[in-house]
Amino acid sequence: MRAGAPAVCAALRVACDFPVSVAVYADQAAFDRQVMSPTMRGYFALSGNGRIQIVSPANSGRDELSYEDGVGVAVHEFVHLALDQIDPELPDWLEEGTAVYLGPHAPYDRACRERLSGVLPTLDDLRRRYSELPAADLFAYTLVASIVDAHGLEGLNALLRAPEALEMTLARPAAEIEAAWGAFVDCGCVAAASGS
């Protein structure tokens, strides 16, 4: 996390001087006993109020999660805390999409290349029914990546500071934003952030 934090703060244009505490739990059971939100029992990590809670990547109990991927989750959670410095009430799609985009995201890139073409929800559904959508974080990531592809980090930063003004901030109607997102995904998210 120490290695990833400066780049995250620079990308988001926030000072990296806010306090962060990290609690690493020996295993899932220990995490579940101490997690700050009981609804997050069974999850691998959580962040909020300047705090990150995470199951030890060395003992996650998850076959699909490598040690390196587990460590990378700490950076993802740090992005959430950095986003709180901008706006603690960001829409879910923008919050999660940005956290995936600025954190390690190779598994999301693989999923985009292998299975996403033609299966995107509508932009309106992603914005209004986020918690009801399967793979919502993956869709949010691809939308944020397509926005950065078209508008750079400047466009993303402007949107983070005016999240309800999507069309005005990006100077495009929603239909064009949605079409660009679909085209980006249809190309396999090839222009997604480096490190993919």
C-alpha atoms as a PDB file:
ATOM      1  CA  MET A   1       0.000   0.000   0.000  1.00  0.00           C
ATOM      2  CA  ARG A   2       2.854   2.388   0.773  1.00  0.00           C
ATOM      3  CA  ALA A   3       4.187   1.882  -2.748  1.00  0.00           C
ATOM      4  CA  GLY A   4       0.785   2.403  -4.376  1.00  0.00           C
ATOM      5  CA  ALA A   5      -0.563   5.293  -2.295  1.00  0.00           C
ATOM      6  CA  PRO A   6       1.489   8.159  -3.812  1.00  0.00           C
ATOM      7  CA  ALA A   7       0.387   7.296  -7.355  1.00  0.00           C
ATOM      8  CA  VAL A   8      -3.244   7.061  -6.242  1.00  0.00           C
ATOM      9  CA  CYS A   9      -3.096  10.459  -4.527  1.00  0.00           C
ATOM     10  CA  ALA A  10      -1.386  12.016  -7.540  1.00  0.00           C
ATOM     11  CA  ALA A  11      -3.981  10.578  -9.932  1.00  0.00           C
ATOM     12  CA  LEU A  12      -6.828  11.875  -7.770  1.00  0.00           C
ATOM     13  CA  ARG A  13      -5.120  15.192  -7.028  1.00  0.00           C
ATOM     14  CA  VAL A  14      -5.473  14.838  -3.280  1.00  0.00           C
ATOM     15  CA  ALA A  15      -2.864  15.360  -0.582  1.00  0.00           C
ATOM     16  CA  CYS A  16      -1.616  12.030   0.705  1.00  0.00           C
ATOM     17  CA  ASP A  17      -1.493  13.283   4.277  1.00  0.00           C
ATOM     18  CA  PHE A  18      -4.724  11.879   5.700  1.00  0.00           C
ATOM     19  CA  PRO A  19      -4.455   9.293   8.490  1.00  0.00           C
ATOM     20  CA  VAL A  20      -4.952   5.631   7.581  1.00  0.00           C
ATOM     21  CA  SER A  21      -4.868   2.649   9.904  1.00  0.00           C
ATOM     22  CA  VAL A  22      -4.648  -0.899   8.582  1.00  0.00           C
ATOM     23  CA  ALA A  23      -5.803  -3.944  10.526  1.00  0.00           C
ATOM     24  CA  VAL A  24      -4.703  -7.296   9.096  1.00  0.00           C
ATOM     25  CA  TYR A  25      -6.542 -10.345  10.432  1.00  0.00           C
ATOM     26  CA  ALA A  26      -5.018 -13.813  10.650  1.00  0.00           C
ATOM     27  CA  ASP A  27      -7.903 -15.462   8.797  1.00  0.00           C
ATOM     28  CA  GLN A  28     -11.493 -14.992   7.649  1.00  0.00           C
ATOM     29  CA  ALA A  29     -12.950 -15.953  11.025  1.00  0.00           C
ATOM     30  CA  ALA A  30     -10.910 -13.281  12.817  1.00  0.00           C
ATOM     31  CA  PHE A  31     -11.926 -10.684  10.213  1.00  0.00           C
ATOM     32  CA  ASP A  32     -15.593 -11.636  10.552  1.00  0.00           C
ATOM     33  CA  ARG A  33     -15.453 -11.222  14.338  1.00  0.00           C
ATOM     34  CA  GLN A  34     -13.932  -7.723  14.115  1.00  0.00           C
ATOM     35  CA  VAL A  35     -15.267  -6.271  10.850  1.00  0.00           C
ATOM     36  CA  MET A  36     -16.596  -2.730  11.297  1.00  0.00           C
ATOM     37  CA  SER A  37     -19.742  -3.519   9.303  1.00  0.00           C
ATOM     38  CA  PRO A  38     -21.396  -6.859  10.119  1.00  0.00           C
ATOM     39  CA  THR A  39     -22.931  -6.961   6.636  1.00  0.00           C
ATOM     40  CA  MET A  40     -19.370  -7.393   5.287  1.00  0.00           C
ATOM     41  CA  ARG A  41     -18.721 -10.698   7.044  1.00  0.00           C
ATOM     42  CA  GLY A  42     -17.320 -13.159   4.528  1.00  0.00           C
ATOM     43  CA  TYR A  43     -15.653 -10.431   2.475  1.00  0.00           C
ATOM     44  CA  PHE A  44     -11.883 -10.168   2.144  1.00  0.00           C
ATOM     45  CA  ALA A  45     -11.443  -6.469   2.924  1.00  0.00           C
ATOM     46  CA  LEU A  46     -13.287  -3.308   3.871  1.00  0.00           C
ATOM     47  CA  SER A  47     -12.441   0.362   4.262  1.00  0.00           C
ATOM     48  CA  GLY A  48     -14.064   3.411   5.764  1.00  0.00           C
ATOM     49  CA  ASN A  49     -13.505   6.191   8.277  1.00  0.00           C
ATOM     50  CA  GLY A  50      -9.750   6.210   7.628  1.00  0.00           C
ATOM     51  CA  ARG A  51      -9.427   2.504   8.314  1.00  0.00           C
ATOM     52  CA  ILE A  52      -8.715  -0.589   6.224  1.00  0.00           C
ATOM     53  CA  GLN A  53      -9.562  -4.053   7.505  1.00  0.00           C
ATOM     54  CA  ILE A  54      -8.208  -6.998   5.512  1.00  0.00           C
ATOM     55  CA  VAL A  55      -7.738 -10.749   5.847  1.00  0.00           C
ATOM     56  CA  SER A  56      -4.067 -11.680   5.670  1.00  0.00           C
ATOM     57  CA  PRO A  57      -3.239 -12.407   2.006  1.00  0.00           C
ATOM     58  CA  ALA A  58      -0.976 -15.188   3.300  1.00  0.00           C
ATOM     59  CA  ASN A  59      -3.972 -16.971   4.826  1.00  0.00           C
ATOM     60  CA  SER A  60      -7.029 -15.858   2.876  1.00  0.00           C
ATOM     61  CA  GLY A  61      -8.491 -19.343   2.437  1.00  0.00           C
ATOM     62  CA  ARG A  62      -9.415 -18.390  -1.125  1.00  0.00           C
ATOM     63  CA  ASP A  63      -7.899 -20.545  -3.863  1.00  0.00           C
ATOM     64  CA  GLU A  64      -8.659 -17.951  -6.529  1.00  0.00           C
ATOM     65  CA  LEU A  65      -6.791 -15.176  -4.692  1.00  0.00           C
ATOM     66  CA  SER A  66      -3.019 -15.175  -5.044  1.00  0.00           C
ATOM     67  CA  TYR A  67      -0.887 -13.537  -2.376  1.00  0.00           C
ATOM     68  CA  GLU A  68      -0.035 -10.681  -4.775  1.00  0.00           C
ATOM     69  CA  ASP A  69      -3.702 -10.129  -5.631  1.00  0.00           C
ATOM     70  CA  GLY A  70      -4.534 -10.083  -1.920  1.00  0.00           C
ATOM     71  CA  VAL A  71      -1.869  -7.478  -1.240  1.00  0.00           C
ATOM     72  CA  GLY A  72      -3.221  -5.456  -4.163  1.00  0.00           C
ATOM     73  CA  VAL A  73      -6.618  -5.321  -2.473  1.00  0.00           C
ATOM     74  CA  ALA A  74      -5.040  -3.016   0.130  1.00  0.00           C
ATOM     75  CA  VAL A  75      -4.330  -0.486  -2.633  1.00  0.00           C
ATOM     76  CA  HIS A  76      -7.930  -0.790  -3.851  1.00  0.00           C
ATOM     77  CA  GLU A  77      -9.161  -0.078  -0.323  1.00  0.00           C
ATOM     78  CA  PHE A  78      -6.757   2.861  -0.046  1.00  0.00           C
ATOM     79  CA  VAL A  79      -8.326   4.331  -3.207  1.00  0.00           C
ATOM     80  CA  HIS A  80     -11.672   4.335  -1.375  1.00  0.00           C
ATOM     81  CA  LEU A  81     -10.141   6.321   1.479  1.00  0.00           C
ATOM     82  CA  ALA A  82      -8.539   8.764  -0.973  1.00  0.00           C
ATOM     83  CA  LEU A  83     -11.898   9.169  -2.738  1.00  0.00           C
ATOM     84  CA  ASP A  84     -13.445  10.033   0.632  1.00  0.00           C
ATOM     85  CA  GLN A  85     -11.142  13.080   0.629  1.00  0.00           C
ATOM     86  CA  ILE A  86     -12.922  14.266  -2.532  1.00  0.00           C
ATOM     87  CA  ASP A  87     -16.510  13.237  -1.766  1.00  0.00           C
ATOM     88  CA  PRO A  88     -17.549  10.612   0.791  1.00  0.00           C
ATOM     89  CA  GLU A  89     -20.918  10.239  -0.955  1.00  0.00           C
ATOM     90  CA  LEU A  90     -19.865   9.314  -4.502  1.00  0.00           C
ATOM     91  CA  PRO A  91     -22.277   7.161  -6.511  1.00  0.00           C
ATOM     92  CA  ASP A  92     -21.429   3.468  -6.156  1.00  0.00           C
ATOM     93  CA  TRP A  93     -20.553   2.990  -9.828  1.00  0.00           C
ATOM     94  CA  LEU A  94     -18.078   5.873  -9.803  1.00  0.00           C
ATOM     95  CA  GLU A  95     -16.579   4.943  -6.427  1.00  0.00           C
ATOM     96  CA  GLU A  96     -16.048   1.256  -7.242  1.00  0.00           C
ATOM     97  CA  GLY A  97     -15.075   1.828 -10.855  1.00  0.00           C
ATOM     98  CA  THR A  98     -12.398   4.315  -9.823  1.00  0.00           C
ATOM     99  CA  ALA A  99     -11.129   2.066  -7.017  1.00  0.00           C
ATOM    100  CA  VAL A 100     -10.702  -0.810  -9.460  1.00  0.00           C
ATOM    101  CA  TYR A 101      -9.204   1.456 -12.132  1.00  0.00           C
ATOM    102  CA  LEU A 102      -6.558   2.979  -9.841  1.00  0.00           C
ATOM    103  CA  GLY A 103      -5.849  -0.258  -7.982  1.00  0.00           C
ATOM    104  CA  PRO A 104      -4.598  -3.516  -9.468  1.00  0.00           C
ATOM    105  CA  HIS A 105      -7.087  -4.615 -12.095  1.00  0.00           C
ATOM    106  CA  ALA A 106      -5.587  -7.396 -14.225  1.00  0.00           C
ATOM    107  CA  PRO A 107      -8.424  -9.867 -13.400  1.00  0.00           C
ATOM    108  CA  TYR A 108     -10.976  -7.268 -14.517  1.00  0.00           C
ATOM    109  CA  ASP A 109      -9.088  -6.719 -17.768  1.00  0.00           C
ATOM    110  CA  ARG A 110      -9.067 -10.471 -18.416  1.00  0.00           C
ATOM    111  CA  ALA A 111     -12.806 -10.664 -17.785  1.00  0.00           C
ATOM    112  CA  CYS A 112     -13.385  -7.743 -20.132  1.00  0.00           C
ATOM    113  CA  ARG A 113     -11.391  -9.368 -22.927  1.00  0.00           C
ATOM    114  CA  GLU A 114     -12.946 -12.793 -22.458  1.00  0.00           C
ATOM    115  CA  ARG A 115     -16.627 -12.293 -21.701  1.00  0.00           C
ATOM    116  CA  LEU A 116     -18.066  -8.826 -21.723  1.00  0.00           C
ATOM    117  CA  SER A 117     -18.769  -7.938 -25.303  1.00  0.00           C
ATOM    118  CA  GLY A 118     -22.498  -7.383 -25.766  1.00  0.00           C
ATOM    119  CA  VAL A 119     -23.467  -7.956 -22.119  1.00  0.00           C
ATOM    120  CA  LEU A 120     -23.250  -4.462 -20.642  1.00  0.00           C
ATOM    121  CA  PRO A 121     -26.142  -3.053 -18.677  1.00  0.00           C
ATOM    122  CA  THR A 122     -27.462   0.306 -19.755  1.00  0.00           C
ATOM    123  CA  LEU A 123     -25.725   3.368 -18.376  1.00  0.00           C
ATOM    124  CA  ASP A 124     -28.954   4.260 -16.591  1.00  0.00           C
ATOM    125  CA  ASP A 125     -29.142   0.812 -14.951  1.00  0.00           C
ATOM    126  CA  LEU A 126     -25.528   1.024 -13.786  1.00  0.00           C
ATOM    127  CA  ARG A 127     -26.138   4.445 -12.299  1.00  0.00           C
ATOM    128  CA  ARG A 128     -29.518   3.730 -10.685  1.00  0.00           C
ATOM    129  CA  ARG A 129     -29.570  -0.016  -9.935  1.00  0.00           C
ATOM    130  CA  TYR A 130     -25.919  -0.705  -9.143  1.00  0.00           C
ATOM    131  CA  SER A 131     -26.446  -3.003  -6.168  1.00  0.00           C
ATOM    132  CA  GLU A 132     -28.891  -5.149  -8.151  1.00  0.00           C
ATOM    133  CA  LEU A 133     -26.547  -5.875 -11.063  1.00  0.00           C
ATOM    134  CA  PRO A 134     -24.377  -8.984 -11.231  1.00  0.00           C
ATOM    135  CA  ALA A 135     -20.698  -8.093 -11.821  1.00  0.00           C
ATOM    136  CA  ALA A 136     -21.471  -4.434 -11.105  1.00  0.00           C
ATOM    137  CA  ASP A 137     -17.857  -3.653 -10.128  1.00  0.00           C
ATOM    138  CA  LEU A 138     -16.603  -5.045 -13.428  1.00  0.00           C
ATOM    139  CA  PHE A 139     -19.082  -2.930 -15.385  1.00  0.00           C
ATOM    140  CA  ALA A 140     -18.231   0.150 -13.325  1.00  0.00           C
ATOM    141  CA  TYR A 141     -14.523  -0.396 -13.937  1.00  0.00           C
ATOM    142  CA  THR A 142     -14.992  -0.658 -17.688  1.00  0.00           C
ATOM    143  CA  LEU A 143     -17.097   2.512 -17.709  1.00  0.00           C
ATOM    144  CA  VAL A 144     -14.488   4.448 -15.715  1.00  0.00           C
ATOM    145  CA  ALA A 145     -11.706   3.055 -17.934  1.00  0.00           C
ATOM    146  CA  SER A 146     -13.624   4.150 -21.043  1.00  0.00           C
ATOM    147  CA  ILE A 147     -14.078   7.630 -19.557  1.00  0.00           C
ATOM    148  CA  VAL A 148     -10.351   7.907 -18.853  1.00  0.00           C
ATOM    149  CA  ASP A 149      -9.613   6.571 -22.347  1.00  0.00           C
ATOM    150  CA  ALA A 150     -11.759   9.315 -23.880  1.00  0.00           C
ATOM    151  CA  HIS A 151     -11.210  12.195 -21.426  1.00  0.00           C
ATOM    152  CA  GLY A 152      -8.007  11.386 -19.521  1.00  0.00           C
ATOM    153  CA  LEU A 153      -7.556  11.582 -15.785  1.00  0.00           C
ATOM    154  CA  GLU A 154      -8.630  15.227 -16.056  1.00  0.00           C
ATOM    155  CA  GLY A 155     -12.084  14.095 -17.142  1.00  0.00           C
ATOM    156  CA  LEU A 156     -12.300  11.531 -14.364  1.00  0.00           C
ATOM    157  CA  ASN A 157     -11.205  14.075 -11.767  1.00  0.00           C
ATOM    158  CA  ALA A 158     -13.768  16.580 -13.000  1.00  0.00           C
ATOM    159  CA  LEU A 159     -16.456  13.896 -12.769  1.00  0.00           C
ATOM    160  CA  LEU A 160     -15.384  12.879  -9.255  1.00  0.00           C
ATOM    161  CA  ARG A 161     -15.918  16.481  -8.186  1.00  0.00           C
ATOM    162  CA  ALA A 162     -19.303  16.801  -9.945  1.00  0.00           C
ATOM    163  CA  PRO A 163     -20.675  13.234 -10.068  1.00  0.00           C
ATOM    164  CA  GLU A 164     -24.283  14.212 -10.730  1.00  0.00           C
ATOM    165  CA  ALA A 165     -23.293  16.233 -13.797  1.00  0.00           C
ATOM    166  CA  LEU A 166     -22.029  13.366 -15.969  1.00  0.00           C
ATOM    167  CA  GLU A 167     -23.193  14.748 -19.306  1.00  0.00           C
ATOM    168  CA  MET A 168     -22.165  18.328 -18.612  1.00  0.00           C
ATOM    169  CA  THR A 169     -18.775  17.340 -17.169  1.00  0.00           C
ATOM    170  CA  LEU A 170     -17.898  15.092 -20.112  1.00  0.00           C
ATOM    171  CA  ALA A 171     -19.572  17.431 -22.640  1.00  0.00           C
ATOM    172  CA  ARG A 172     -21.430  14.519 -24.234  1.00  0.00           C
ATOM    173  CA  PRO A 173     -24.994  13.251 -24.001  1.00  0.00           C
ATOM    174  CA  ALA A 174     -25.537  10.042 -22.024  1.00  0.00           C
ATOM    175  CA  ALA A 175     -26.253   8.113 -25.229  1.00  0.00           C
ATOM    176  CA  GLU A 176     -22.783   9.000 -26.586  1.00  0.00           C
ATOM    177  CA  ILE A 177     -21.097   8.109 -23.299  1.00  0.00           C
ATOM    178  CA  GLU A 178     -22.901   4.755 -23.327  1.00  0.00           C
ATOM    179  CA  ALA A 179     -21.979   4.125 -26.982  1.00  0.00           C
ATOM    180  CA  ALA A 180     -18.300   4.927 -26.303  1.00  0.00           C
ATOM    181  CA  TRP A 181     -18.377   2.582 -23.309  1.00  0.00           C
ATOM    182  CA  GLY A 182     -19.828  -0.214 -25.442  1.00  0.00           C
ATOM    183  CA  ALA A 183     -17.243   0.331 -28.182  1.00  0.00           C
ATOM    184  CA  PHE A 184     -14.443   0.327 -25.599  1.00  0.00           C
ATOM    185  CA  VAL A 185     -15.631  -2.999 -24.188  1.00  0.00           C
ATOM    186  CA  ASP A 186     -16.215  -4.473 -27.662  1.00  0.00           C
ATOM    187  CA  CYS A 187     -12.534  -3.777 -28.378  1.00  0.00           C
ATOM    188  CA  GLY A 188     -11.592  -5.781 -25.278  1.00  0.00           C
ATOM    189  CA  CYS A 189     -10.801  -2.730 -23.127  1.00  0.00           C
ATOM    190  CA  VAL A 190      -7.484  -2.559 -24.965  1.00  0.00           C
ATOM    191  CA  ALA A 191      -6.878   1.054 -23.994  1.00  0.00           C
ATOM    192  CA  ALA A 192      -7.505   0.419 -20.287  1.00  0.00           C
ATOM    193  CA  ALA A 193      -5.007   1.629 -17.692  1.00  0.00           C
ATOM    194  CA  SER A 194      -1.460   0.369 -17.809  1.00  0.00           C
ATOM    195  CA  GLY A 195      -0.605  -2.745 -15.883  1.00  0.00           C
ATOM    196  CA  SER A 196      -3.280  -4.834 -17.570  1.00  0.00           C
END
